[in-house]
Protein backbone atom coordinates (compact mmCIF):
# COMPACT_ATOMS: atom_id res chain seq x y z
CA MET A 1 0.42 -3.69 12.05
CA ILE A 2 -1.77 -0.98 10.54
CA GLN A 3 -4.89 0.14 12.32
CA PRO A 4 -7.23 3.14 11.72
CA LYS A 5 -5.60 6.60 11.91
CA THR A 6 -2.19 5.19 10.83
CA LEU A 7 -0.30 7.35 8.36
CA LEU A 8 1.22 5.59 5.39
CA LYS A 9 3.48 6.75 2.47
CA VAL A 10 2.30 6.22 -0.98
CA ALA A 11 4.62 3.98 -3.00
CA ASP A 12 3.46 4.94 -6.48
CA ASN A 13 3.35 7.97 -8.79
CA SER A 14 -0.45 8.63 -8.61
CA GLY A 15 -0.06 12.05 -7.16
CA ALA A 16 -0.70 11.38 -3.41
CA GLN A 17 2.28 11.42 -1.02
CA GLU A 18 0.67 10.47 2.33
CA VAL A 19 -2.59 8.72 3.20
CA MET A 20 -4.29 7.92 6.55
CA CYS A 21 -6.14 4.57 6.99
CA ILE A 22 -9.75 5.10 8.10
CA ARG A 23 -11.18 1.65 7.61
CA ILE A 24 -9.79 -1.90 7.23
CA LEU A 25 -11.65 -4.27 5.08
CA GLY A 26 -12.19 -7.67 6.66
CA THR A 27 -10.12 -7.66 9.90
CA LYS A 28 -9.26 -5.47 12.92
CA TYR A 29 -5.57 -5.07 12.07
CA THR A 30 -3.95 -5.36 8.70
CA PHE A 31 -0.73 -6.58 7.32
CA ILE A 32 0.87 -6.82 3.83
CA GLY A 33 -1.57 -7.52 1.06
CA ASN A 34 -4.71 -6.28 2.83
CA VAL A 35 -7.01 -3.66 1.32
CA ILE A 36 -7.84 -0.50 3.32
CA VAL A 37 -9.98 2.56 2.80
CA ALA A 38 -7.86 5.73 3.28
CA VAL A 39 -8.07 9.44 2.96
CA ILE A 40 -5.41 11.48 1.27
CA LYS A 41 -3.51 13.80 3.62
CA LYS A 42 -0.72 15.22 1.37
CA THR A 43 -0.57 15.53 -2.38
CA ILE A 44 1.79 16.75 -5.12
CA PRO A 45 0.68 20.05 -6.57
CA ARG A 46 -1.35 19.98 -9.88
CA MET A 47 -2.06 16.20 -9.85
CA SER A 48 -5.25 14.34 -10.22
CA PHE A 49 -5.91 13.67 -6.58
CA GLU A 50 -7.18 16.29 -4.01
CA ARG A 51 -6.56 16.36 -0.28
CA SER A 52 -9.30 14.72 1.78
CA GLU A 53 -10.35 12.44 -1.07
CA VAL A 54 -11.35 8.94 0.03
CA ILE A 55 -9.65 6.03 -1.90
CA ARG A 56 -8.77 2.33 -1.57
CA ALA A 57 -5.23 1.17 -1.20
CA VAL A 58 -3.32 -2.07 -0.70
CA ILE A 59 -0.65 -2.43 2.05
CA VAL A 60 2.94 -3.10 0.50
CA ARG A 61 5.28 -2.44 3.36
CA THR A 62 4.88 -2.52 7.13
CA CYS A 63 7.18 -1.81 10.08
CA LYS A 64 5.84 -4.89 11.77
CA GLU A 65 7.74 -8.07 11.00
CA LEU A 66 6.59 -10.61 8.35
CA LYS A 67 7.69 -14.20 8.90
CA ARG A 68 7.83 -16.50 5.89
CA ASP A 69 7.44 -20.26 5.85
CA ASN A 70 11.25 -20.83 5.35
CA GLY A 71 12.00 -18.85 8.57
CA ILE A 72 13.05 -15.50 7.05
CA ILE A 73 11.74 -12.45 8.89
CA ILE A 74 11.25 -9.26 6.79
CA ARG A 75 10.75 -5.85 8.27
CA TYR A 76 10.69 -2.52 6.49
CA ASP A 77 11.53 0.96 7.76
CA GLU A 78 8.20 2.52 6.86
CA ASN A 79 4.51 1.75 6.27
CA ALA A 80 3.58 2.09 2.66
CA ALA A 81 0.55 1.56 0.34
CA VAL A 82 -0.27 1.59 -3.36
CA LEU A 83 -3.57 3.22 -4.47
CA ILE A 84 -5.86 0.98 -6.33
CA ASP A 85 -9.28 1.20 -8.03
CA LYS A 86 -12.33 -1.07 -7.29
CA ASP A 87 -11.04 -3.78 -9.61
CA GLY A 88 -7.63 -3.98 -7.84
CA ASN A 89 -5.55 -2.26 -10.58
CA PRO A 90 -3.05 0.39 -9.40
CA LYS A 91 -3.80 4.03 -10.18
CA GLY A 92 -0.17 4.98 -10.78
CA THR A 93 2.06 3.79 -13.52
CA ARG A 94 5.26 3.34 -11.48
CA ILE A 95 5.88 1.65 -8.14
CA PHE A 96 8.70 2.95 -5.91
CA GLY A 97 10.68 0.75 -3.60
CA VAL A 98 10.72 -2.99 -2.80
CA ILE A 99 7.57 -5.05 -3.03
CA PRO A 100 7.22 -8.37 -1.15
CA GLN A 101 6.37 -11.47 -3.15
CA GLU A 102 3.41 -12.19 -0.89
CA LEU A 103 1.32 -9.89 -2.96
CA ARG A 104 1.17 -12.55 -5.58
CA LYS A 105 -1.02 -14.75 -3.26
CA PHE A 106 -3.61 -11.94 -3.12
CA ASN A 107 -3.73 -11.54 -7.04
CA PHE A 108 -2.02 -8.18 -7.15
CA THR A 109 0.01 -9.31 -10.16
CA LYS A 110 -0.18 -5.82 -11.93
CA ILE A 111 1.47 -4.24 -8.91
CA ILE A 112 4.22 -6.90 -8.91
CA SER A 113 4.81 -6.43 -12.61
CA LEU A 114 5.29 -2.59 -12.13
CA ALA A 115 7.67 -2.95 -9.21
CA PRO A 116 11.44 -2.48 -9.73
CA ASP A 117 12.36 -5.02 -7.02
CA ILE A 118 10.62 -7.95 -5.60
CA LEU A 119 11.79 -9.25 -2.22
């Protein structure tokens, strides 16, 4: 469960390493597949993003359990997000780690196609 002021790791190679959620679009709390507005807290040196830049991101992993219709419960070790633009396309060219298949329901097919593993 992600709420404002939650720190998230970035799961792509866009240049940011850590972001902080500042606004959730649509609900009070967010889960996998929701879009948030975040601020960049930590970056890789000499990359396109700067610290304290405001961006949009989609949640791809949460520590809170996700229950599927067939009874499987999925829980990750960390909260992670992928940076996106206004059209929903990822800013990076590679995705790191496992991505859940629930993102397909939210039309983030470009993120799914870049992911190495889909759970």
